[in-house]
Amino acid sequence: MSTHDFFRSRLDQMIDLRHPLAVLATRLPWAAIEAAVAPKLARQALPAKRKSGEDLLGAYAVEFGGGVSPAGRPRLPIRLMASLLYLKNSFNLSDEELVERWAENVQWQFFSGMDYYEPRLPCDATQIGRFRRLLGEDGIELLLKATIDTAIEIKALRPADLERVIVDSTVQSKAIAHPVDSRLLEIARHKVVGAARRAGISLKQTYVQEGKTLRRKAGGYAHAKQFRRLRKTVKRQRTILGVVMREVQRKLDADKAALGAGGAPAHEPGSPKAISDLTMWLERAERIRTQQRHDKNKLYALHAPEVECISKGKARNPYEFGVKVSLAVTHKHGLMVGARSFPGNPYDGHVLSAQLEQTTNLMQDLGRSPKQVIVDLGYRGVDADNPGVQIIHRGKYKSLSDHDKRLLKRRQAIEPLIGHTKADHRMDRCWLHGAAGDALHALSCAAGYNIRWLLRAIVRLGVGCFFCVLNFAGWCLGISPFRAVLAVPDRHQLPRSGSASVTQWSTFIPAAAG
């Protein structure tokens, strides 16, 4: 213990160790999480550089700069960053709100593995996003798997309960504005003009003022249901977007021709990425300009081309813009054992095998796999694609046994869980970039839901805290709790019940008892 920490109170002496979050902090398999995640965060070895030349002694060749560089700031603890991901989706917070509340909440700091209270931010908010990208989809699956293993360890459900699951799909909406033709055309013009300016291309006319006026008129005509005037305004917006794009393309072609002839281009880009960015915006603007109302694979957002229009048959919300997400929960207790995004809006039945594969992978250390799946009518006709799994839905109600009919009555139990995942754990709106961000967000929301599920289970079952038990045992044996903690080699060998006798506890603390 350093001198600086000698006069500070430990967190386990400041908080109520019977708090569900403090109990959960001692039950999650942090060592296994750190061991599995550590290879993803290891510094990569740089290739060696070679240099050859000739001097007074003749030709020479040297190699330098290879291996892992010691430069750079050391990474933050894996447990701290993993716990921040858990807390973010468990309590429905943004990255900025998360780090601010962490600095104020001693329970959260204890959950993150801190020994002493830290009155500062744990990290910059942007580091959470970088850590999430480094983990990737399989890394976030490890965090979800840890919650399932913990539920089995605290006996909140039996391993056999994992063999019967409910599967359903929902839409994870993307953080985009509602797609309207006039708005998309104006944004496309603005993006192309800005990208051309960064590429060093000057335009004769950018139509800034006219674009703003047309956008305002289109909104007024749509509100007043003056659709003939609205169509005329949108047509003019398409025209000016085409004028701007053709002028930019002519000047790009002229620069390419000049470079091909060995000359210098007439326009000098401001950065190496300027030309590639301009080409990307031109392609997306052309899609916006040419797409019609009933076209397939339309572009609904300039910054998120992966967004799809999905109809789930809801009267209150006929169309949702995002990606389809499949969720799997246990039939009896409602613990999430799978969450996966499926771009392209596939048929529900065609993604069932992939969802069951992910669920099986998450349960592999427990030696279990789904044997019965309760679904709705969207999963009909896929029995042959899922051998060894009994698929129960009301489409074959007459052939079901009485037991299976009782199981089918609980199929709709997944619907409120989807609602809670959206309302309480951030699945209602995905702010992460790209299709990879959709997959990471779905898994993070499922892990956050499971954390709150575990907190409720700890309260319901009265699961004891490791430190509370050691304090009690140390008091009965006449030793300090700190010595008791140091004396126990493996907390998993302790009796599970808090009502064990003093004689039982003394066998686990031989050094302290002596």
Protein backbone atom coordinates (compact mmCIF):
# COMPACT_ATOMS: atom_id res chain seq x y z
CA MET A 1 0.00 0.00 0.00
CA SER A 2 1.44 3.35 -1.03
CA THR A 3 1.73 6.22 1.44
CA HIS A 4 -0.77 8.21 -0.61
CA ASP A 5 -3.44 5.52 -0.07
CA PHE A 6 -2.66 4.88 3.60
CA PHE A 7 -5.07 7.54 4.87
CA ARG A 8 -7.85 6.82 2.35
CA SER A 9 -10.87 4.64 3.01
CA ARG A 10 -11.35 1.60 0.82
CA LEU A 11 -14.51 1.41 -1.28
CA ASP A 12 -15.59 -1.83 0.37
CA GLN A 13 -15.68 0.09 3.67
CA MET A 14 -17.65 3.00 2.22
CA ILE A 15 -20.53 1.17 0.51
CA ASP A 16 -23.21 -1.31 1.45
CA LEU A 17 -21.78 -4.64 0.31
CA ARG A 18 -25.30 -6.09 0.28
CA HIS A 19 -26.19 -3.80 -2.63
CA PRO A 20 -27.05 -5.94 -5.69
CA LEU A 21 -24.40 -4.23 -7.83
CA ALA A 22 -21.72 -4.87 -5.19
CA VAL A 23 -22.77 -8.52 -5.01
CA LEU A 24 -22.73 -8.82 -8.79
CA ALA A 25 -19.22 -7.32 -8.89
CA THR A 26 -17.98 -10.34 -6.92
CA ARG A 27 -19.88 -12.85 -9.07
CA LEU A 28 -19.02 -11.88 -12.64
CA PRO A 29 -16.07 -13.86 -14.09
CA TRP A 30 -13.76 -10.88 -14.51
CA ALA A 31 -10.62 -13.01 -14.80
CA ALA A 32 -12.11 -14.99 -17.69
CA ILE A 33 -13.24 -11.77 -19.41
CA GLU A 34 -9.77 -10.23 -19.10
CA ALA A 35 -8.05 -13.39 -20.36
CA ALA A 36 -10.33 -13.60 -23.41
CA VAL A 37 -10.17 -9.89 -24.27
CA ALA A 38 -6.46 -9.28 -23.63
CA PRO A 39 -5.24 -10.65 -27.03
CA LYS A 40 -7.49 -8.18 -28.85
CA LEU A 41 -5.90 -5.24 -27.01
CA ALA A 42 -2.27 -6.35 -27.31
CA ARG A 43 0.02 -3.97 -29.16
CA GLN A 44 0.71 -5.11 -32.69
CA ALA A 45 4.25 -5.82 -33.83
CA LEU A 46 5.43 -3.40 -36.52
CA PRO A 47 7.30 -4.77 -39.54
CA ALA A 48 10.99 -3.99 -39.67
CA LYS A 49 12.21 -1.34 -42.09
CA ARG A 50 15.05 -2.08 -44.47
CA LYS A 51 17.50 0.36 -45.92
CA SER A 52 20.24 -0.37 -48.40
CA GLY A 53 22.87 1.88 -49.94
CA GLU A 54 26.52 2.22 -50.77
CA ASP A 55 29.33 4.00 -48.97
CA LEU A 56 33.14 4.02 -48.99
CA LEU A 57 33.23 0.46 -47.70
CA GLY A 58 30.85 -0.83 -50.38
CA ALA A 59 27.18 -1.81 -50.47
CA TYR A 60 25.33 -2.24 -47.19
CA ALA A 61 21.84 -3.22 -45.95
CA VAL A 62 20.44 -2.51 -42.51
CA GLU A 63 17.19 -3.46 -40.78
CA PHE A 64 15.70 -1.41 -37.98
CA GLY A 65 12.45 -0.49 -36.22
CA GLY A 66 10.79 -3.93 -36.00
CA GLY A 67 8.89 -5.45 -33.09
CA VAL A 68 6.47 -4.02 -30.55
CA SER A 69 7.04 -0.35 -29.85
CA PRO A 70 7.20 0.68 -26.15
CA ALA A 71 6.00 4.16 -27.04
CA GLY A 72 2.51 5.35 -26.29
CA ARG A 73 0.26 5.60 -23.28
CA PRO A 74 -0.52 2.31 -21.47
CA ARG A 75 -4.03 0.99 -21.90
CA LEU A 76 -6.65 1.38 -19.21
CA PRO A 77 -7.61 -1.76 -17.21
CA ILE A 78 -9.77 -4.18 -19.16
CA ARG A 79 -12.16 -4.62 -16.24
CA LEU A 80 -12.74 -0.87 -16.05
CA MET A 81 -13.59 -0.57 -19.75
CA ALA A 82 -15.73 -3.73 -19.78
CA SER A 83 -17.67 -2.54 -16.74
CA LEU A 84 -18.27 0.82 -18.43
CA LEU A 85 -19.83 -1.00 -21.39
CA TYR A 86 -22.04 -2.96 -18.99
CA LEU A 87 -23.14 0.16 -17.09
CA LYS A 88 -23.79 2.23 -20.22
CA ASN A 89 -26.51 -0.03 -21.59
CA SER A 90 -27.76 -1.17 -18.18
CA PHE A 91 -28.71 2.36 -17.16
CA ASN A 92 -29.45 3.87 -20.62
CA LEU A 93 -26.69 6.47 -20.68
CA SER A 94 -24.64 8.11 -23.40
CA ASP A 95 -20.85 7.90 -23.24
CA GLU A 96 -20.58 11.44 -21.86
CA GLU A 97 -23.24 10.89 -19.19
CA LEU A 98 -21.66 7.56 -18.25
CA VAL A 99 -18.20 8.90 -17.39
CA GLU A 100 -19.70 11.83 -15.46
CA ARG A 101 -21.93 9.61 -13.32
CA TRP A 102 -19.10 7.10 -12.78
CA ALA A 103 -17.04 9.82 -11.10
CA GLU A 104 -19.93 10.43 -8.65
CA ASN A 105 -21.08 6.87 -7.94
CA VAL A 106 -19.03 4.78 -5.51
CA GLN A 107 -21.07 1.65 -6.25
CA TRP A 108 -20.14 1.88 -9.92
CA GLN A 109 -16.47 2.35 -9.04
CA PHE A 110 -16.54 -0.74 -6.84
CA PHE A 111 -18.19 -2.65 -9.69
CA SER A 112 -15.37 -1.48 -11.98
CA GLY A 113 -12.69 -2.95 -9.70
CA MET A 114 -11.48 0.25 -8.04
CA ASP A 115 -10.03 -0.05 -4.54
CA TYR A 116 -10.34 3.63 -3.62
CA TYR A 117 -12.73 6.40 -4.59
CA GLU A 118 -11.64 8.34 -7.68
CA PRO A 119 -13.20 11.84 -7.95
CA ARG A 120 -12.27 12.14 -11.63
CA LEU A 121 -13.51 10.80 -14.95
CA PRO A 122 -12.41 7.19 -15.60
CA CYS A 123 -11.47 8.05 -19.20
CA ASP A 124 -12.42 10.31 -22.04
CA ALA A 125 -15.84 9.49 -23.44
CA THR A 126 -14.38 8.76 -26.89
CA GLN A 127 -12.23 5.94 -25.48
CA ILE A 128 -15.36 3.86 -24.81
CA GLY A 129 -16.19 3.83 -28.51
CA ARG A 130 -12.63 2.91 -29.44
CA PHE A 131 -12.61 0.07 -26.92
CA ARG A 132 -15.92 -1.21 -28.30
CA ARG A 133 -14.53 -1.23 -31.86
CA LEU A 134 -11.40 -3.06 -30.72
CA LEU A 135 -13.50 -5.76 -29.07
CA GLY A 136 -15.60 -6.32 -32.18
CA GLU A 137 -18.67 -8.48 -32.39
CA ASP A 138 -17.06 -11.57 -30.88
CA GLY A 139 -15.66 -9.51 -27.99
CA ILE A 140 -19.08 -8.12 -27.05
CA GLU A 141 -20.43 -11.69 -27.30
CA LEU A 142 -17.94 -12.61 -24.56
CA LEU A 143 -19.49 -9.96 -22.30
CA LEU A 144 -22.96 -11.33 -23.04
CA LYS A 145 -21.75 -14.88 -22.38
CA ALA A 146 -20.35 -13.81 -18.99
CA THR A 147 -23.82 -12.68 -17.89
CA ILE A 148 -25.30 -16.06 -18.85
CA ASP A 149 -22.58 -17.93 -16.94
CA THR A 150 -23.17 -15.72 -13.89
CA ALA A 151 -26.90 -16.46 -13.94
CA ILE A 152 -26.10 -20.17 -13.75
CA GLU A 153 -23.49 -19.65 -11.01
CA ILE A 154 -25.87 -17.79 -8.68
CA LYS A 155 -28.55 -20.41 -9.44
CA ALA A 156 -30.98 -17.86 -10.83
CA LEU A 157 -31.90 -20.52 -13.39
CA ARG A 158 -30.95 -24.10 -14.08
CA PRO A 159 -28.77 -25.17 -17.01
CA ALA A 160 -31.72 -27.18 -18.33
CA ASP A 161 -33.71 -23.94 -18.67
CA LEU A 162 -31.34 -22.85 -21.43
CA GLU A 163 -32.58 -25.62 -23.72
CA ARG A 164 -35.98 -23.98 -24.27
CA VAL A 165 -35.91 -20.48 -25.81
CA ILE A 166 -38.24 -17.96 -27.42
CA VAL A 167 -37.01 -16.25 -30.59
CA ASP A 168 -38.46 -13.15 -32.21
CA SER A 169 -37.26 -10.27 -34.36
CA THR A 170 -37.58 -6.50 -34.09
CA VAL A 171 -36.24 -3.38 -35.78
CA GLN A 172 -33.30 -1.49 -34.33
CA SER A 173 -33.84 2.02 -35.62
CA LYS A 174 -30.89 4.07 -36.82
CA ALA A 175 -30.25 7.62 -35.63
CA ILE A 176 -31.45 9.32 -38.80
CA ALA A 177 -34.11 11.89 -39.60
CA HIS A 178 -37.26 10.72 -41.33
CA PRO A 179 -36.30 10.43 -45.02
CA VAL A 180 -38.02 13.06 -47.18
CA ASP A 181 -37.08 13.67 -50.84
CA SER A 182 -36.71 17.43 -50.52
CA ARG A 183 -34.51 17.14 -47.44
CA LEU A 184 -32.29 14.42 -48.95
CA LEU A 185 -31.81 16.40 -52.17
CA GLU A 186 -30.80 19.55 -50.26
CA ILE A 187 -28.37 17.62 -48.03
CA ALA A 188 -26.87 15.92 -51.11
CA ARG A 189 -26.27 19.31 -52.76
CA HIS A 190 -24.69 20.65 -49.57
CA LYS A 191 -22.41 17.61 -49.20
CA VAL A 192 -21.23 17.71 -52.82
CA VAL A 193 -20.48 21.45 -52.64
CA GLY A 194 -18.52 21.05 -49.39
CA ALA A 195 -16.54 18.06 -50.68
CA ALA A 196 -15.71 19.94 -53.90
CA ARG A 197 -14.42 22.89 -51.88
CA ARG A 198 -12.15 20.60 -49.84
CA ALA A 199 -10.88 19.07 -53.08
CA GLY A 200 -9.89 22.52 -54.35
CA ILE A 201 -12.65 22.73 -56.97
CA SER A 202 -14.36 26.11 -57.28
CA LEU A 203 -17.91 26.12 -58.67
CA LYS A 204 -19.54 28.83 -60.75
CA GLN A 205 -22.74 28.56 -58.72
CA THR A 206 -23.58 26.54 -55.61
CA TYR A 207 -27.31 27.40 -55.33
CA VAL A 208 -27.06 27.92 -51.57
CA GLN A 209 -29.80 30.52 -51.28
CA GLU A 210 -32.13 28.85 -53.77
CA GLY A 211 -31.62 25.48 -52.07
CA LYS A 212 -32.68 26.87 -48.69
CA THR A 213 -35.71 28.57 -50.23
CA LEU A 214 -36.82 25.42 -52.05
CA ARG A 215 -36.43 23.32 -48.90
CA ARG A 216 -38.62 25.73 -46.94
CA LYS A 217 -41.25 25.82 -49.69
CA ALA A 218 -41.35 22.04 -49.93
CA GLY A 219 -42.05 21.74 -46.21
CA GLY A 220 -44.88 24.26 -46.43
CA TYR A 221 -46.46 22.65 -49.49
CA ALA A 222 -46.33 19.18 -47.88
CA HIS A 223 -47.95 20.48 -44.71
CA ALA A 224 -50.71 22.20 -46.71
CA LYS A 225 -51.18 19.11 -48.92
CA GLN A 226 -50.43 21.13 -52.06
CA PHE A 227 -48.83 18.18 -53.79
CA ARG A 228 -48.68 19.65 -57.31
CA ARG A 229 -46.57 22.56 -56.07
CA LEU A 230 -44.54 20.13 -53.94
CA ARG A 231 -43.70 17.98 -56.97
CA LYS A 232 -42.63 21.06 -58.92
CA THR A 233 -40.34 22.17 -56.08
CA VAL A 234 -38.74 18.73 -55.71
CA LYS A 235 -38.20 18.61 -59.49
CA ARG A 236 -36.29 21.90 -59.31
CA GLN A 237 -34.17 20.53 -56.45
CA ARG A 238 -33.25 17.54 -58.59
CA THR A 239 -32.31 19.87 -61.41
CA ILE A 240 -29.93 22.04 -59.41
CA LEU A 241 -28.35 18.98 -57.79
CA GLY A 242 -27.69 17.57 -61.27
CA VAL A 243 -26.17 20.89 -62.42
CA VAL A 244 -23.75 20.96 -59.47
CA MET A 245 -22.78 17.30 -59.89
CA ARG A 246 -22.10 17.61 -63.63
CA GLU A 247 -19.87 20.64 -63.13
CA VAL A 248 -17.88 18.86 -60.41
CA GLN A 249 -17.56 15.73 -62.56
CA ARG A 250 -16.32 17.75 -65.58
CA LYS A 251 -13.56 19.34 -63.53
CA LEU A 252 -12.58 15.99 -62.01
CA ASP A 253 -12.32 14.45 -65.48
CA ALA A 254 -10.21 17.40 -66.67
CA ASP A 255 -7.79 16.89 -63.75
CA LYS A 256 -7.51 13.16 -64.52
CA ALA A 257 -6.81 13.90 -68.17
CA ALA A 258 -4.12 16.39 -67.22
CA LEU A 259 -2.44 13.86 -64.92
CA GLY A 260 -2.63 11.20 -67.65
CA ALA A 261 -0.89 13.53 -70.09
CA GLY A 262 1.93 14.13 -67.60
CA GLY A 263 0.85 17.63 -66.62
CA ALA A 264 -0.35 19.15 -63.35
CA PRO A 265 -4.02 19.19 -62.34
CA ALA A 266 -5.80 22.52 -62.33
CA HIS A 267 -7.14 21.98 -58.79
CA GLU A 268 -5.04 21.06 -55.77
CA PRO A 269 -6.91 19.05 -53.05
CA GLY A 270 -6.62 20.16 -49.46
CA SER A 271 -5.95 16.63 -48.14
CA PRO A 272 -5.13 13.18 -49.58
CA LYS A 273 -8.65 11.94 -48.77
CA ALA A 274 -10.43 14.85 -50.41
CA ILE A 275 -10.77 13.27 -53.86
CA SER A 276 -11.97 9.89 -52.54
CA ASP A 277 -14.50 11.62 -50.27
CA LEU A 278 -15.77 13.70 -53.18
CA THR A 279 -16.20 10.56 -55.30
CA MET A 280 -18.16 8.88 -52.50
CA TRP A 281 -20.52 11.85 -52.08
CA LEU A 282 -21.04 12.04 -55.85
CA GLU A 283 -22.08 8.38 -55.95
CA ARG A 284 -24.53 8.78 -53.07
CA ALA A 285 -25.91 12.03 -54.47
CA GLU A 286 -26.55 10.30 -57.81
CA ARG A 287 -28.52 7.61 -56.02
CA ILE A 288 -30.61 10.26 -54.27
CA ARG A 289 -31.18 12.19 -57.52
CA THR A 290 -32.29 9.21 -59.59
CA GLN A 291 -34.26 7.07 -57.12
CA GLN A 292 -38.04 7.03 -57.42
CA ARG A 293 -40.82 6.28 -54.97
CA HIS A 294 -41.25 2.55 -55.63
CA ASP A 295 -37.59 1.66 -56.29
CA LYS A 296 -35.81 -1.07 -54.39
CA ASN A 297 -32.63 -0.55 -52.33
CA LYS A 298 -33.24 3.16 -51.87
CA LEU A 299 -30.86 5.43 -49.99
CA TYR A 300 -32.56 6.84 -46.89
CA ALA A 301 -29.65 8.70 -45.28
CA LEU A 302 -26.49 10.17 -46.80
CA HIS A 303 -24.34 9.30 -43.77
CA ALA A 304 -25.83 5.81 -43.21
CA PRO A 305 -26.30 3.96 -46.53
CA GLU A 306 -26.90 0.68 -44.66
CA VAL A 307 -30.32 1.84 -43.38
CA GLU A 308 -33.30 -0.16 -44.67
CA CYS A 309 -37.02 0.52 -44.64
CA ILE A 310 -38.72 -2.29 -42.69
CA SER A 311 -42.45 -2.76 -42.20
CA LYS A 312 -43.50 -4.86 -39.19
CA GLY A 313 -47.26 -4.35 -39.61
CA LYS A 314 -47.66 -1.87 -36.74
CA ALA A 315 -50.55 0.54 -37.07
CA ARG A 316 -48.82 3.20 -34.97
CA ASN A 317 -45.53 2.96 -36.86
CA PRO A 318 -45.98 1.42 -40.34
CA TYR A 319 -42.35 1.86 -41.43
CA GLU A 320 -39.14 1.79 -39.41
CA PHE A 321 -35.70 2.70 -40.70
CA GLY A 322 -32.81 0.64 -39.40
CA VAL A 323 -31.82 -3.02 -39.35
CA LYS A 324 -33.58 -6.22 -38.36
CA VAL A 325 -32.41 -7.71 -35.04
CA SER A 326 -33.21 -11.20 -33.77
CA LEU A 327 -33.42 -11.84 -30.02
CA ALA A 328 -33.47 -15.14 -28.11
CA VAL A 329 -34.60 -15.38 -24.46
CA THR A 330 -35.07 -18.30 -22.13
CA HIS A 331 -38.65 -19.55 -22.04
CA LYS A 332 -39.17 -19.61 -18.28
CA HIS A 333 -37.10 -16.73 -16.89
CA GLY A 334 -36.58 -14.31 -19.77
CA LEU A 335 -32.77 -14.12 -19.74
CA MET A 336 -31.35 -13.02 -23.10
CA VAL A 337 -29.18 -15.72 -24.63
CA GLY A 338 -28.75 -14.26 -28.10
CA ALA A 339 -28.90 -11.00 -30.06
CA ARG A 340 -27.85 -10.61 -33.65
CA SER A 341 -28.41 -8.09 -36.45
CA PHE A 342 -29.33 -9.23 -39.97
CA PRO A 343 -28.81 -6.64 -42.73
CA GLY A 344 -30.92 -6.93 -45.85
CA ASN A 345 -34.28 -7.45 -44.10
CA PRO A 346 -34.36 -11.25 -44.58
CA TYR A 347 -37.36 -13.45 -43.88
CA ASP A 348 -37.55 -14.31 -40.17
CA GLY A 349 -37.45 -18.07 -40.76
CA HIS A 350 -34.25 -17.82 -42.81
CA VAL A 351 -32.30 -16.28 -39.91
CA LEU A 352 -33.42 -18.77 -37.26
CA SER A 353 -30.52 -21.15 -37.88
CA ALA A 354 -27.97 -18.33 -37.55
CA GLN A 355 -29.61 -17.13 -34.33
CA LEU A 356 -29.58 -20.63 -32.84
CA GLU A 357 -25.93 -21.00 -33.84
CA GLN A 358 -25.00 -17.89 -31.88
CA THR A 359 -27.05 -19.06 -28.88
CA THR A 360 -25.34 -22.46 -28.98
CA ASN A 361 -21.91 -20.79 -29.02
CA LEU A 362 -22.79 -18.70 -25.97
CA MET A 363 -23.82 -21.85 -24.08
CA GLN A 364 -20.96 -24.10 -25.17
CA ASP A 365 -19.06 -23.92 -21.87
CA LEU A 366 -22.25 -24.97 -20.05
CA GLY A 367 -22.71 -28.00 -22.28
CA ARG A 368 -26.19 -26.94 -23.37
CA SER A 369 -27.87 -26.01 -26.64
CA PRO A 370 -31.44 -25.06 -27.63
CA LYS A 371 -33.68 -28.09 -28.05
CA GLN A 372 -37.07 -26.35 -28.26
CA VAL A 373 -37.75 -22.99 -29.89
CA ILE A 374 -41.08 -21.17 -29.48
CA VAL A 375 -41.72 -18.69 -32.29
CA ASP A 376 -44.51 -16.86 -34.13
CA LEU A 377 -45.89 -17.56 -37.60
CA GLY A 378 -43.02 -15.69 -39.25
CA TYR A 379 -40.84 -18.77 -38.71
CA ARG A 380 -42.97 -21.32 -40.56
CA GLY A 381 -41.47 -23.80 -42.98
CA VAL A 382 -37.88 -23.93 -41.66
CA ASP A 383 -37.96 -27.23 -39.74
CA ALA A 384 -35.66 -28.88 -42.30
CA ASP A 385 -33.06 -26.10 -41.89
CA ASN A 386 -32.85 -26.71 -38.12
CA PRO A 387 -32.42 -30.45 -37.49
CA GLY A 388 -32.45 -31.55 -33.88
CA VAL A 389 -34.52 -28.55 -32.78
CA GLN A 390 -38.27 -28.67 -32.16
CA ILE A 391 -39.90 -25.52 -33.55
CA ILE A 392 -43.25 -24.73 -31.90
CA HIS A 393 -45.67 -22.20 -33.37
CA ARG A 394 -49.43 -21.91 -33.64
CA GLY A 395 -49.39 -22.86 -37.31
CA LYS A 396 -49.23 -26.53 -36.23
CA TYR A 397 -51.48 -26.14 -33.19
CA LYS A 398 -53.62 -29.22 -33.92
CA SER A 399 -50.62 -31.54 -33.97
CA LEU A 400 -49.10 -30.22 -30.72
CA SER A 401 -49.31 -32.09 -27.45
CA ASP A 402 -50.98 -30.55 -24.42
CA HIS A 403 -47.57 -29.80 -22.92
CA ASP A 404 -46.40 -27.99 -26.08
CA LYS A 405 -49.64 -26.01 -26.18
CA ARG A 406 -48.95 -24.77 -22.65
CA LEU A 407 -45.44 -23.79 -23.72
CA LEU A 408 -46.84 -21.89 -26.70
CA LYS A 409 -48.98 -19.73 -24.41
CA ARG A 410 -45.82 -18.06 -23.14
CA ARG A 411 -44.56 -17.15 -26.63
CA GLN A 412 -45.66 -13.53 -26.28
CA ALA A 413 -43.56 -13.11 -23.12
CA ILE A 414 -40.73 -11.92 -25.37
CA GLU A 415 -42.71 -8.87 -26.50
CA PRO A 416 -42.40 -6.84 -23.25
CA LEU A 417 -38.72 -7.84 -23.07
CA ILE A 418 -38.18 -6.29 -26.51
CA GLY A 419 -39.99 -3.20 -25.27
CA HIS A 420 -37.77 -2.94 -22.18
CA THR A 421 -34.65 -3.47 -24.29
CA LYS A 422 -35.68 -0.53 -26.45
CA ALA A 423 -36.98 1.79 -23.74
CA ASP A 424 -34.46 1.04 -20.97
CA HIS A 425 -31.34 -0.24 -22.73
CA ARG A 426 -30.94 2.01 -25.83
CA MET A 427 -32.04 -0.35 -28.60
CA ASP A 428 -34.67 2.14 -29.75
CA ARG A 429 -32.00 4.21 -31.55
CA CYS A 430 -28.56 3.13 -32.73
CA TRP A 431 -25.95 5.88 -32.89
CA LEU A 432 -23.01 3.65 -33.87
CA HIS A 433 -21.54 3.88 -37.35
CA GLY A 434 -22.15 1.38 -40.12
CA ALA A 435 -23.39 -2.19 -40.20
CA ALA A 436 -20.70 -3.19 -37.69
CA GLY A 437 -22.09 -0.61 -35.28
CA ASP A 438 -25.56 -2.15 -35.62
CA ALA A 439 -24.20 -5.58 -34.62
CA LEU A 440 -22.23 -4.20 -31.66
CA HIS A 441 -25.18 -2.16 -30.43
CA ALA A 442 -27.60 -5.10 -30.48
CA LEU A 443 -25.21 -7.23 -28.39
CA SER A 444 -24.46 -4.38 -25.98
CA CYS A 445 -28.19 -3.82 -25.38
CA ALA A 446 -28.70 -7.53 -24.65
CA ALA A 447 -25.75 -7.53 -22.20
CA GLY A 448 -27.15 -4.42 -20.47
CA TYR A 449 -30.56 -6.08 -20.16
CA ASN A 450 -28.96 -9.17 -18.59
CA ILE A 451 -27.10 -7.04 -16.03
CA ARG A 452 -30.37 -5.54 -14.82
CA TRP A 453 -31.91 -9.04 -14.88
CA LEU A 454 -29.08 -10.29 -12.65
CA LEU A 455 -29.55 -7.39 -10.23
CA ARG A 456 -33.22 -8.29 -9.84
CA ALA A 457 -32.35 -11.97 -9.43
CA ILE A 458 -29.84 -11.17 -6.67
CA VAL A 459 -32.53 -9.26 -4.76
CA ARG A 460 -35.08 -12.02 -5.32
CA LEU A 461 -32.79 -14.88 -4.30
CA GLY A 462 -30.92 -13.07 -1.55
CA VAL A 463 -27.52 -14.04 -2.96
CA GLY A 464 -24.88 -13.30 -0.33
CA CYS A 465 -21.87 -11.07 -0.89
CA PHE A 466 -18.38 -12.56 -0.67
CA PHE A 467 -17.03 -9.69 1.42
CA CYS A 468 -20.08 -9.71 3.73
CA VAL A 469 -19.55 -13.41 4.41
CA LEU A 470 -15.85 -12.88 5.12
CA ASN A 471 -16.60 -10.01 7.48
CA PHE A 472 -19.02 -12.26 9.39
CA ALA A 473 -16.58 -15.17 9.46
CA GLY A 474 -13.72 -12.94 10.58
CA TRP A 475 -15.83 -11.46 13.36
CA CYS A 476 -16.83 -14.92 14.62
CA LEU A 477 -13.21 -16.09 14.59
CA GLY A 478 -11.88 -12.94 16.20
CA ILE A 479 -9.76 -11.80 13.23
CA SER A 480 -9.89 -8.73 11.01
CA PRO A 481 -11.85 -8.91 7.75
CA PHE A 482 -8.72 -7.81 5.86
CA ARG A 483 -6.77 -10.82 7.14
CA ALA A 484 -9.71 -13.05 6.25
CA VAL A 485 -9.70 -11.80 2.66
CA LEU A 486 -5.97 -12.40 2.32
CA ALA A 487 -6.20 -15.87 3.81
CA VAL A 488 -8.82 -17.31 1.46
CA PRO A 489 -7.09 -18.65 -1.67
CA ASP A 490 -10.20 -19.20 -3.80
CA ARG A 491 -13.56 -17.56 -3.06
CA HIS A 492 -15.36 -20.15 -5.23
CA GLN A 493 -14.58 -22.80 -2.58
CA LEU A 494 -16.55 -20.95 0.09
CA PRO A 495 -19.91 -22.35 1.24
CA ARG A 496 -22.73 -20.83 -0.78
CA SER A 497 -25.08 -20.30 2.13
CA GLY A 498 -24.56 -17.45 4.57
CA SER A 499 -25.88 -19.65 7.37
CA ALA A 500 -22.88 -22.01 7.47
CA SER A 501 -21.44 -22.71 10.90
CA VAL A 502 -18.29 -21.08 12.26
CA THR A 503 -16.56 -24.47 12.12
CA GLN A 504 -17.19 -24.66 8.40
CA TRP A 505 -15.81 -21.17 7.87
CA SER A 506 -12.73 -21.85 9.99
CA THR A 507 -11.66 -24.60 7.59
CA PHE A 508 -11.44 -22.03 4.82
CA ILE A 509 -9.34 -19.53 6.80
CA PRO A 510 -6.57 -21.68 8.31
CA ALA A 511 -3.87 -19.04 8.22
CA ALA A 512 -6.06 -16.37 9.79
CA ALA A 513 -7.55 -18.73 12.36
CA GLY A 514 -4.09 -19.76 13.50
